[in-house]
Amino acid sequence: MSYEPVSHFQPTPILRSRRRRTLLRVQLQDSADRPLPVMMQNVSARGMRGICREGAVAKDEIVRLNLPDGSFLWGVVRWVEGRSFGVEFDTAVGSFDSEPDRGTSQTASLKLSAP
């Protein structure tokens, strides 16, 4: 009896959050609490891509994204290429689409207009 391996296994795709293209000036604060003006290029529920206008961020640095409504999001810089970088937001508590708690990092919403 011959055995012919037939695989019916279909790997589950790892879906990434939908990204919104944007060009928005935002301010990050680095781990030394210095303000960093950046240009946000895209954003999703789990992170953002940006370009430092001045200064630079380091890989694995903890940063804080200050939102226009006074709330903020904590994140970790996951990659850096020149002045471009990617931040993964701390989404363990709260939801990106829920109502913000002013001045806390518990929840926050980022309202962006469609491109």
Protein backbone atom coordinates (compact mmCIF):
# COMPACT_ATOMS: atom_id res chain seq x y z
CA MET A 1 0.00 0.00 0.00
CA SER A 2 1.48 3.33 -1.01
CA TYR A 3 0.96 6.42 0.98
CA GLU A 4 0.60 9.74 -0.77
CA PRO A 5 0.63 12.64 1.65
CA VAL A 6 -2.26 14.92 0.95
CA SER A 7 -2.46 17.93 3.13
CA HIS A 8 -5.78 19.56 3.77
CA PHE A 9 -4.15 21.95 6.15
CA GLN A 10 -4.81 25.58 5.32
CA PRO A 11 -2.84 27.99 7.48
CA THR A 12 -4.87 30.71 9.09
CA PRO A 13 -3.76 34.05 7.74
CA ILE A 14 -2.44 36.55 10.25
CA LEU A 15 -4.61 39.54 9.58
CA ARG A 16 -3.19 42.97 10.18
CA SER A 17 -5.29 45.88 11.30
CA ARG A 18 -6.59 48.11 8.55
CA ARG A 19 -4.30 51.08 8.09
CA ARG A 20 -5.46 54.57 7.30
CA ARG A 21 -3.20 56.75 5.25
CA THR A 22 -2.82 60.16 6.72
CA LEU A 23 -0.44 63.06 6.94
CA LEU A 24 -0.96 64.48 10.37
CA ARG A 25 1.40 66.40 12.63
CA VAL A 26 1.44 64.80 16.06
CA GLN A 27 3.65 64.99 19.09
CA LEU A 28 5.31 62.04 20.74
CA GLN A 29 7.13 62.14 24.03
CA ASP A 30 10.13 59.89 24.32
CA SER A 31 11.20 57.96 27.42
CA ALA A 32 13.11 61.04 28.67
CA ASP A 33 9.84 63.04 28.45
CA ARG A 34 11.17 65.16 25.56
CA PRO A 35 8.62 66.26 22.96
CA LEU A 36 9.24 64.92 19.45
CA PRO A 37 7.33 66.53 16.58
CA VAL A 38 6.52 63.82 14.03
CA MET A 39 4.51 63.44 10.87
CA MET A 40 2.14 60.47 11.10
CA GLN A 41 1.96 58.65 7.75
CA ASN A 42 -0.52 55.93 8.61
CA VAL A 43 -2.40 54.70 11.65
CA SER A 44 -4.27 51.57 12.67
CA ALA A 45 -5.91 50.34 15.84
CA ARG A 46 -2.62 48.76 16.87
CA GLY A 47 0.00 51.26 15.79
CA MET A 48 1.31 53.99 13.57
CA ARG A 49 4.07 54.79 11.12
CA GLY A 50 5.75 58.16 11.41
CA ILE A 51 8.70 60.29 10.42
CA CYS A 52 10.66 62.33 12.94
CA ARG A 53 10.82 65.96 11.90
CA GLU A 54 13.53 66.65 14.49
CA GLY A 55 15.53 64.28 16.63
CA ALA A 56 15.05 60.54 16.53
CA VAL A 57 13.55 57.63 18.41
CA ALA A 58 15.29 54.37 19.25
CA LYS A 59 14.04 50.83 18.70
CA ASP A 60 12.29 49.42 21.79
CA GLU A 61 11.88 52.91 23.29
CA ILE A 62 8.65 53.62 25.19
CA VAL A 63 6.83 56.63 23.72
CA ARG A 64 3.61 58.50 24.40
CA LEU A 65 1.39 59.80 21.60
CA ASN A 66 -0.41 62.96 22.71
CA LEU A 67 -3.85 63.22 21.10
CA PRO A 68 -5.60 66.51 20.26
CA ASP A 69 -8.39 65.86 22.80
CA GLY A 70 -5.92 65.77 25.71
CA SER A 71 -5.77 61.98 26.02
CA PHE A 72 -2.76 59.88 25.06
CA LEU A 73 -1.62 56.42 24.02
CA TRP A 74 1.47 54.57 25.20
CA GLY A 75 3.48 52.61 22.68
CA VAL A 76 6.76 50.87 21.90
CA VAL A 77 8.94 51.71 18.91
CA ARG A 78 9.16 48.40 17.03
CA TRP A 79 11.36 49.42 14.08
CA VAL A 80 13.44 52.36 12.90
CA GLU A 81 14.74 53.07 9.38
CA GLY A 82 16.51 56.42 9.19
CA ARG A 83 13.96 59.00 10.35
CA SER A 84 10.98 56.63 9.76
CA PHE A 85 9.71 54.44 12.58
CA GLY A 86 6.80 52.25 13.65
CA VAL A 87 5.03 52.29 17.00
CA GLU A 88 2.92 49.49 18.45
CA PHE A 89 0.28 50.94 20.76
CA ASP A 90 -0.52 49.44 24.15
CA THR A 91 -4.02 48.17 23.43
CA ALA A 92 -4.29 45.78 26.37
CA VAL A 93 -6.66 48.08 28.24
CA GLY A 94 -9.52 49.79 26.48
CA SER A 95 -10.30 50.11 22.84
CA PHE A 96 -9.29 52.53 20.15
CA ASP A 97 -12.94 53.18 19.33
CA SER A 98 -14.23 53.69 22.87
CA GLU A 99 -14.81 56.99 24.61
CA PRO A 100 -11.60 58.58 25.90
CA ASP A 101 -10.84 59.11 29.57
CA ARG A 102 -9.34 62.58 29.54
CA GLY A 103 -5.75 62.67 30.73
CA THR A 104 -5.41 58.92 31.15
CA SER A 105 -4.03 56.17 29.00
CA GLN A 106 -6.89 53.79 29.81
CA THR A 107 -8.78 54.41 26.58
CA ALA A 108 -8.41 56.79 23.73
CA SER A 109 -9.95 57.48 20.38
CA LEU A 110 -8.22 58.91 17.38
CA LYS A 111 -10.67 60.55 15.01
CA LEU A 112 -9.12 60.97 11.58
CA SER A 113 -10.85 62.14 8.47
CA ALA A 114 -10.89 59.72 5.57
CA PRO A 115 -8.18 60.41 2.99
